[in-house]
Amino acid sequence: MDTTLKLNEGFKRLSMKWAYKLATLFVILSLALPSASFASQKSHHKKHTPRDAAAANQYSALVVDASSGQVLYEKNADGIRYPASLTKMMTLYLTFEALKQGKLKIDQTLPVSAKAAGQPQTNISLDKGDRLPVRTAIESVVVRSANDSAMVLGEALGGTEFNFALMMTQKARELGMKNTVFRNPSGLPDNKQHTSAFDMARLAIALRRDFPEYYPYFKKTSFEYNGVTYPGHNHVMERYPGVDGVKTGFIRASGFNLVTSAERDGHRIVAVIMGGSTIVSRDNQMISLLDQTFDELETKGKVASSGSGDQDAEPSIEQLEHLEARADGTNG
């Protein structure tokens, strides 16, 4: 009897002990759940990397001397941005390289795959099974910014979109484009595709330097295909004497982008605007940059010819990047 009572009392104490532990655990979990939820939210937000946040709708501008690489003006020029259709500049670079190396012929026709035919606007309404001449592909990418033509070129050169993107990024590194990664030949939205105004200026300079025989394509303002005449998107080229290219670009995440090459009185400059709020404001800002830069160059030229004034050169792109790297404690 005594033994039975002792056992019952023992079970009661044990039950109360476990009940206390369970109650304590419940309170701890109740307090921890909001924190866990907050941590989950923080983790969710971390998926949107600083690189992605910086790339969305932020303004960058850059003007460089195309001959020396001297920086004449810059604002957030090293900021990471989405290239949008400026991506097609690299697609064209690799196309011109293939032509120069004899891997492509200008009148050669290229097959249109289902993937190429399925690319969204802007395009030239290619159908699966069509054959597109290289010349027309180039013209439609330059003038129309045709996504289907860009995919045709990418698949012809790389075999697949993925392989061509690797080729594009590798070429970017060779050209010194340190902050650029390409994911497709067109510039259609991809969170991992990014660049900077500095890098786009490098690419624009390289296109004219490396392929003078093909660079005049960028001056075209229209082209014809299948009986349809397609007008261009680069209105600055129509509005500003001396502009001979190179490319416009837009997706919602990037804003309105523009790379421009222009020459006046023996001075050639490359200017980049990324993240413009509208086409008109972007174009007006570009024209203002061109006017201001050419006026300053003319003034400096007059001062230099008179033998007076500050003879210190503007920093080159490489020098500016090196100074920025030293300032933030990074290498390179």
Protein backbone atom coordinates (compact mmCIF):
# COMPACT_ATOMS: atom_id res chain seq x y z
CA MET A 1 0.00 0.00 0.00
CA ASP A 2 2.72 2.38 0.99
CA THR A 3 4.61 1.38 -2.14
CA THR A 4 1.57 2.06 -4.31
CA LEU A 5 1.11 5.53 -2.78
CA LYS A 6 4.75 6.35 -3.28
CA LEU A 7 4.52 5.30 -6.92
CA ASN A 8 1.41 7.39 -7.48
CA GLU A 9 3.02 10.40 -5.86
CA GLY A 10 6.11 9.82 -8.01
CA PHE A 11 4.06 9.73 -11.20
CA LYS A 12 2.24 12.89 -10.16
CA ARG A 13 5.53 14.72 -9.54
CA LEU A 14 6.87 13.42 -12.86
CA SER A 15 3.72 14.49 -14.71
CA MET A 16 3.86 17.94 -13.14
CA LYS A 17 7.55 18.20 -13.99
CA TRP A 18 6.90 17.38 -17.68
CA ALA A 19 3.86 19.63 -17.76
CA TYR A 20 6.04 22.48 -16.47
CA LYS A 21 8.70 21.73 -19.11
CA LEU A 22 6.10 21.59 -21.90
CA ALA A 23 4.53 24.85 -20.73
CA THR A 24 7.96 26.51 -20.62
CA LEU A 25 8.76 25.20 -24.08
CA PHE A 26 5.45 26.54 -25.40
CA VAL A 27 6.20 30.00 -24.01
CA ILE A 28 9.68 29.98 -25.52
CA LEU A 29 8.33 28.92 -28.90
CA SER A 30 5.59 31.56 -28.72
CA LEU A 31 8.20 34.24 -28.11
CA ALA A 32 10.51 32.85 -30.76
CA LEU A 33 7.97 32.59 -33.55
CA PRO A 34 7.74 36.32 -34.29
CA SER A 35 11.52 36.48 -34.42
CA ALA A 36 11.60 33.49 -36.71
CA SER A 37 9.01 35.12 -38.92
CA PHE A 38 11.03 38.35 -38.99
CA ALA A 39 14.18 36.40 -39.78
CA SER A 40 12.33 34.71 -42.60
CA GLN A 41 11.28 38.08 -43.94
CA LYS A 42 14.84 39.37 -43.68
CA SER A 43 16.09 36.29 -45.47
CA HIS A 44 13.48 36.81 -48.17
CA HIS A 45 14.59 40.39 -48.68
CA LYS A 46 18.23 39.36 -48.86
CA LYS A 47 17.42 37.46 -52.02
CA HIS A 48 17.17 40.88 -53.65
CA THR A 49 20.88 41.58 -53.59
CA PRO A 50 22.39 45.04 -53.29
CA ARG A 51 23.49 44.56 -56.87
CA ASP A 52 19.88 44.07 -57.95
CA ALA A 53 18.68 47.03 -55.90
CA ALA A 54 21.39 49.28 -57.29
CA ALA A 55 20.55 48.28 -60.82
CA ALA A 56 16.92 49.34 -60.61
CA ASN A 57 16.08 52.79 -61.98
CA GLN A 58 19.16 54.70 -60.85
CA TYR A 59 20.75 57.32 -63.02
CA SER A 60 24.30 57.00 -64.31
CA ALA A 61 26.14 59.19 -66.78
CA LEU A 62 29.60 59.17 -68.30
CA VAL A 63 31.51 61.02 -71.01
CA VAL A 64 34.95 59.89 -72.13
CA ASP A 65 37.44 60.90 -74.79
CA ALA A 66 37.25 58.00 -77.25
CA SER A 67 40.91 58.34 -78.23
CA SER A 68 42.56 58.55 -74.82
CA GLY A 69 39.93 57.11 -72.48
CA GLN A 70 40.08 60.28 -70.40
CA VAL A 71 37.00 60.80 -68.25
CA LEU A 72 35.42 64.14 -69.09
CA TYR A 73 32.33 63.76 -66.92
CA GLU A 74 30.88 61.05 -64.71
CA LYS A 75 28.05 60.49 -62.29
CA ASN A 76 27.61 57.08 -60.65
CA ALA A 77 29.42 55.67 -63.67
CA ASP A 78 30.61 52.59 -61.81
CA GLY A 79 27.14 51.81 -60.42
CA ILE A 80 25.78 48.39 -61.32
CA ARG A 81 22.93 48.70 -63.81
CA TYR A 82 20.79 46.53 -66.07
CA PRO A 83 22.01 46.94 -69.67
CA ALA A 84 18.69 46.18 -71.41
CA SER A 85 19.26 46.28 -75.18
CA LEU A 86 22.73 47.76 -74.77
CA THR A 87 23.49 44.04 -74.41
CA LYS A 88 23.14 43.79 -78.18
CA MET A 89 26.33 45.80 -78.56
CA MET A 90 28.24 42.72 -77.38
CA THR A 91 26.16 40.45 -79.61
CA LEU A 92 27.21 42.66 -82.51
CA TYR A 93 30.84 42.75 -81.35
CA LEU A 94 31.03 38.96 -81.48
CA THR A 95 29.21 38.95 -84.84
CA PHE A 96 31.71 41.43 -86.32
CA GLU A 97 34.56 39.38 -84.88
CA ALA A 98 33.19 36.23 -86.52
CA LEU A 99 32.90 38.07 -89.84
CA LYS A 100 36.45 39.35 -89.56
CA GLN A 101 37.72 35.85 -88.76
CA GLY A 102 35.80 34.29 -91.65
CA LYS A 103 33.51 32.26 -89.40
CA LEU A 104 30.51 34.07 -90.89
CA LYS A 105 29.82 35.61 -94.29
CA ILE A 106 27.82 38.81 -94.60
CA ASP A 107 25.39 37.26 -97.13
CA GLN A 108 25.19 33.91 -95.37
CA THR A 109 21.73 32.91 -94.16
CA LEU A 110 21.17 31.66 -90.63
CA PRO A 111 18.42 29.31 -89.43
CA VAL A 112 15.63 30.65 -87.22
CA SER A 113 14.87 28.30 -84.34
CA ALA A 114 11.62 28.05 -82.42
CA LYS A 115 13.28 29.84 -79.54
CA ALA A 116 14.42 32.71 -81.77
CA ALA A 117 11.00 32.99 -83.39
CA GLY A 118 9.39 33.11 -79.94
CA GLN A 119 11.29 36.17 -78.70
CA PRO A 120 9.01 39.00 -77.59
CA GLN A 121 8.91 42.53 -78.97
CA THR A 122 10.70 44.27 -80.28
CA ASN A 123 11.23 41.87 -83.19
CA ILE A 124 10.80 41.48 -86.94
CA SER A 125 8.26 38.64 -86.72
CA LEU A 126 10.56 35.80 -87.73
CA ASP A 127 9.04 32.33 -88.01
CA LYS A 128 10.60 29.00 -87.13
CA GLY A 129 12.36 27.63 -90.19
CA ASP A 130 13.05 31.04 -91.75
CA ARG A 131 16.54 31.82 -93.03
CA LEU A 132 17.88 35.22 -92.04
CA PRO A 133 20.84 36.83 -93.87
CA VAL A 134 23.63 37.95 -91.56
CA ARG A 135 23.46 41.45 -93.05
CA THR A 136 19.75 41.71 -92.23
CA ALA A 137 20.32 40.32 -88.76
CA ILE A 138 22.89 43.04 -88.08
CA GLU A 139 20.68 45.80 -89.48
CA SER A 140 17.63 44.65 -87.53
CA VAL A 141 19.58 44.44 -84.27
CA VAL A 142 21.11 47.89 -84.77
CA VAL A 143 18.02 49.70 -86.05
CA ARG A 144 15.03 47.77 -84.73
CA SER A 145 16.77 46.26 -81.67
CA ALA A 146 15.16 43.00 -82.77
CA ASN A 147 15.24 40.34 -80.07
CA ASP A 148 14.53 37.50 -82.50
CA SER A 149 17.45 38.50 -84.74
CA ALA A 150 19.76 38.78 -81.72
CA MET A 151 18.84 35.21 -80.74
CA VAL A 152 19.50 33.99 -84.30
CA LEU A 153 23.02 35.47 -84.13
CA GLY A 154 23.61 34.13 -80.63
CA GLU A 155 22.60 30.59 -81.53
CA ALA A 156 24.62 30.70 -84.76
CA LEU A 157 27.78 31.73 -82.90
CA GLY A 158 27.35 29.90 -79.60
CA GLY A 159 25.14 26.94 -80.46
CA THR A 160 22.88 27.73 -77.50
CA GLU A 161 21.83 30.88 -75.70
CA PHE A 162 23.69 29.73 -72.58
CA ASN A 163 26.96 29.11 -74.41
CA PHE A 164 26.71 32.42 -76.24
CA ALA A 165 26.17 34.24 -72.94
CA LEU A 166 29.38 32.66 -71.66
CA MET A 167 31.18 33.85 -74.81
CA MET A 168 29.79 37.34 -74.29
CA THR A 169 30.92 37.52 -70.68
CA GLN A 170 34.36 36.14 -71.53
CA LYS A 171 34.79 38.79 -74.23
CA ALA A 172 33.67 41.43 -71.73
CA ARG A 173 36.52 40.39 -69.43
CA GLU A 174 38.99 40.53 -72.30
CA LEU A 175 37.88 44.08 -73.03
CA GLY A 176 38.30 45.10 -69.39
CA MET A 177 34.59 45.17 -68.57
CA LYS A 178 34.94 44.13 -64.94
CA ASN A 179 31.36 44.71 -63.79
CA THR A 180 29.50 43.02 -66.64
CA VAL A 181 27.79 39.66 -66.83
CA PHE A 182 25.67 38.69 -69.83
CA ARG A 183 22.89 36.11 -69.68
CA ASN A 184 21.27 36.42 -73.12
CA PRO A 185 22.02 38.02 -76.50
CA SER A 186 19.16 40.54 -76.40
CA GLY A 187 19.09 42.23 -73.01
CA LEU A 188 15.65 40.94 -72.09
CA PRO A 189 15.10 40.94 -68.30
CA ASP A 190 17.40 38.75 -66.21
CA ASN A 191 18.33 39.72 -62.65
CA LYS A 192 21.84 38.31 -63.09
CA GLN A 193 22.60 40.37 -66.21
CA HIS A 194 24.33 43.59 -65.27
CA THR A 195 26.89 46.17 -66.34
CA SER A 196 28.00 49.76 -65.68
CA ALA A 197 28.35 52.99 -67.64
CA PHE A 198 32.13 52.55 -67.54
CA ASP A 199 31.85 49.10 -69.11
CA MET A 200 29.44 50.22 -71.82
CA ALA A 201 31.82 53.04 -72.76
CA ARG A 202 34.64 50.51 -73.10
CA LEU A 203 32.49 48.38 -75.38
CA ALA A 204 31.46 51.32 -77.56
CA ILE A 205 35.08 52.38 -77.99
CA ALA A 206 36.11 48.79 -78.79
CA LEU A 207 33.41 48.41 -81.46
CA ARG A 208 34.69 51.36 -83.46
CA ARG A 209 38.38 50.62 -82.82
CA ASP A 210 38.27 46.91 -83.65
CA PHE A 211 35.75 46.91 -86.50
CA PRO A 212 35.97 50.14 -88.51
CA GLU A 213 34.67 48.26 -91.56
CA TYR A 214 31.44 47.28 -89.78
CA TYR A 215 30.97 50.23 -87.45
CA PRO A 216 29.01 52.27 -90.10
CA TYR A 217 26.06 49.93 -89.51
CA PHE A 218 25.41 51.90 -86.33
CA LYS A 219 24.65 55.01 -88.36
CA LYS A 220 21.70 53.39 -90.12
CA THR A 221 18.34 54.90 -89.22
CA SER A 222 16.12 52.40 -91.06
CA PHE A 223 16.20 49.10 -92.92
CA GLU A 224 13.86 46.96 -95.00
CA TYR A 225 12.92 43.32 -94.55
CA ASN A 226 10.17 41.32 -96.27
CA GLY A 227 8.73 44.47 -97.80
CA VAL A 228 8.49 46.30 -94.47
CA THR A 229 10.57 49.40 -93.70
CA TYR A 230 11.55 49.58 -90.04
CA PRO A 231 12.53 52.96 -88.53
CA GLY A 232 15.18 53.26 -85.84
CA HIS A 233 14.97 54.12 -82.14
CA ASN A 234 18.03 56.37 -81.87
CA HIS A 235 16.53 59.84 -82.19
CA VAL A 236 19.66 61.57 -80.88
CA MET A 237 21.42 60.49 -84.04
CA GLU A 238 18.75 62.27 -86.05
CA ARG A 239 18.83 65.38 -83.88
CA TYR A 240 22.54 65.91 -83.29
CA PRO A 241 25.12 66.46 -86.06
CA GLY A 242 28.23 64.32 -85.68
CA VAL A 243 26.53 61.41 -83.87
CA ASP A 244 27.15 58.06 -85.59
CA GLY A 245 25.74 55.54 -83.10
CA VAL A 246 25.58 53.46 -81.08
CA LYS A 247 22.59 51.93 -79.15
CA THR A 248 19.45 52.51 -77.14
CA GLY A 249 18.02 50.20 -74.47
CA PHE A 250 15.04 49.86 -72.18
CA ILE A 251 13.44 47.43 -69.77
CA ARG A 252 11.34 48.49 -66.79
CA ALA A 253 14.09 47.62 -64.32
CA SER A 254 16.74 49.63 -66.16
CA GLY A 255 15.00 52.80 -67.23
CA PHE A 256 15.98 54.33 -70.55
CA ASN A 257 19.60 53.71 -71.55
CA LEU A 258 21.65 55.22 -74.35
CA VAL A 259 25.24 54.96 -75.56
CA THR A 260 26.30 57.65 -78.02
CA SER A 261 29.42 58.20 -80.08
CA ALA A 262 29.95 61.64 -81.62
CA GLU A 263 32.67 63.70 -83.28
CA ARG A 264 33.12 67.45 -83.67
CA ASP A 265 36.18 69.45 -84.72
CA GLY A 266 38.46 66.44 -84.46
CA HIS A 267 37.25 65.47 -80.97
CA ARG A 268 35.49 62.12 -80.62
CA ILE A 269 33.66 61.31 -77.42
CA VAL A 270 31.56 58.45 -76.12
CA ALA A 271 28.72 59.28 -73.75
CA VAL A 272 26.55 56.93 -71.71
CA ILE A 273 23.28 57.52 -69.91
CA MET A 274 21.64 54.74 -67.91
CA GLY A 275 18.40 54.94 -65.99
CA GLY A 276 16.71 57.80 -67.81
CA SER A 277 13.11 58.40 -66.76
CA THR A 278 11.68 58.81 -70.27
CA ILE A 279 12.92 58.62 -73.86
CA VAL A 280 12.62 62.37 -74.31
CA SER A 281 14.36 63.31 -71.05
CA ARG A 282 17.14 60.79 -71.71
CA ASP A 283 17.69 62.15 -75.22
CA ASN A 284 17.65 65.74 -74.00
CA GLN A 285 20.12 64.90 -71.25
CA MET A 286 22.39 63.25 -73.79
CA ILE A 287 22.29 66.27 -76.10
CA SER A 288 23.05 68.53 -73.14
CA LEU A 289 26.05 66.36 -72.21
CA LEU A 290 27.34 66.43 -75.78
CA ASP A 291 26.95 70.21 -76.05
CA GLN A 292 28.63 70.86 -72.72
CA THR A 293 31.52 68.49 -73.43
CA PHE A 294 32.26 69.75 -76.93
CA ASP A 295 32.08 73.37 -75.72
CA GLU A 296 34.56 72.61 -72.93
CA LEU A 297 36.88 70.79 -75.33
CA GLU A 298 36.78 73.74 -77.70
CA THR A 299 37.61 76.13 -74.86
CA LYS A 300 40.46 73.94 -73.65
CA GLY A 301 41.77 73.71 -77.19
CA LYS A 302 41.86 77.49 -77.49
CA VAL A 303 43.58 77.81 -74.11
CA ALA A 304 46.13 75.13 -75.01
CA SER A 305 46.90 76.74 -78.36
CA SER A 306 47.55 80.04 -76.58
CA GLY A 307 50.12 78.32 -74.37
CA SER A 308 48.37 79.01 -71.08
CA GLY A 309 46.08 77.20 -68.70
CA ASP A 310 46.18 74.00 -66.72
CA GLN A 311 47.95 71.29 -68.65
CA ASP A 312 47.03 68.45 -66.27
CA ALA A 313 45.25 65.64 -68.10
CA GLU A 314 41.88 64.33 -66.99
CA PRO A 315 42.10 60.90 -65.37
CA SER A 316 41.61 57.91 -67.65
CA ILE A 317 38.98 55.27 -66.93
CA GLU A 318 41.70 52.98 -65.59
CA GLN A 319 43.14 55.71 -63.36
CA LEU A 320 39.74 56.64 -61.97
CA GLU A 321 38.88 53.02 -61.16
CA HIS A 322 42.25 52.59 -59.47
CA LEU A 323 41.68 55.69 -57.33
CA GLU A 324 38.21 54.46 -56.39
CA ALA A 325 39.61 51.04 -55.46
CA ARG A 326 42.23 52.67 -53.23
CA ALA A 327 39.59 54.86 -51.62
CA ASP A 328 37.40 51.94 -50.54
CA GLY A 329 40.33 49.69 -49.64
CA THR A 330 39.88 47.14 -52.39
CA ASN A 331 42.45 45.88 -54.83
CA GLY A 332 42.70 46.32 -58.58
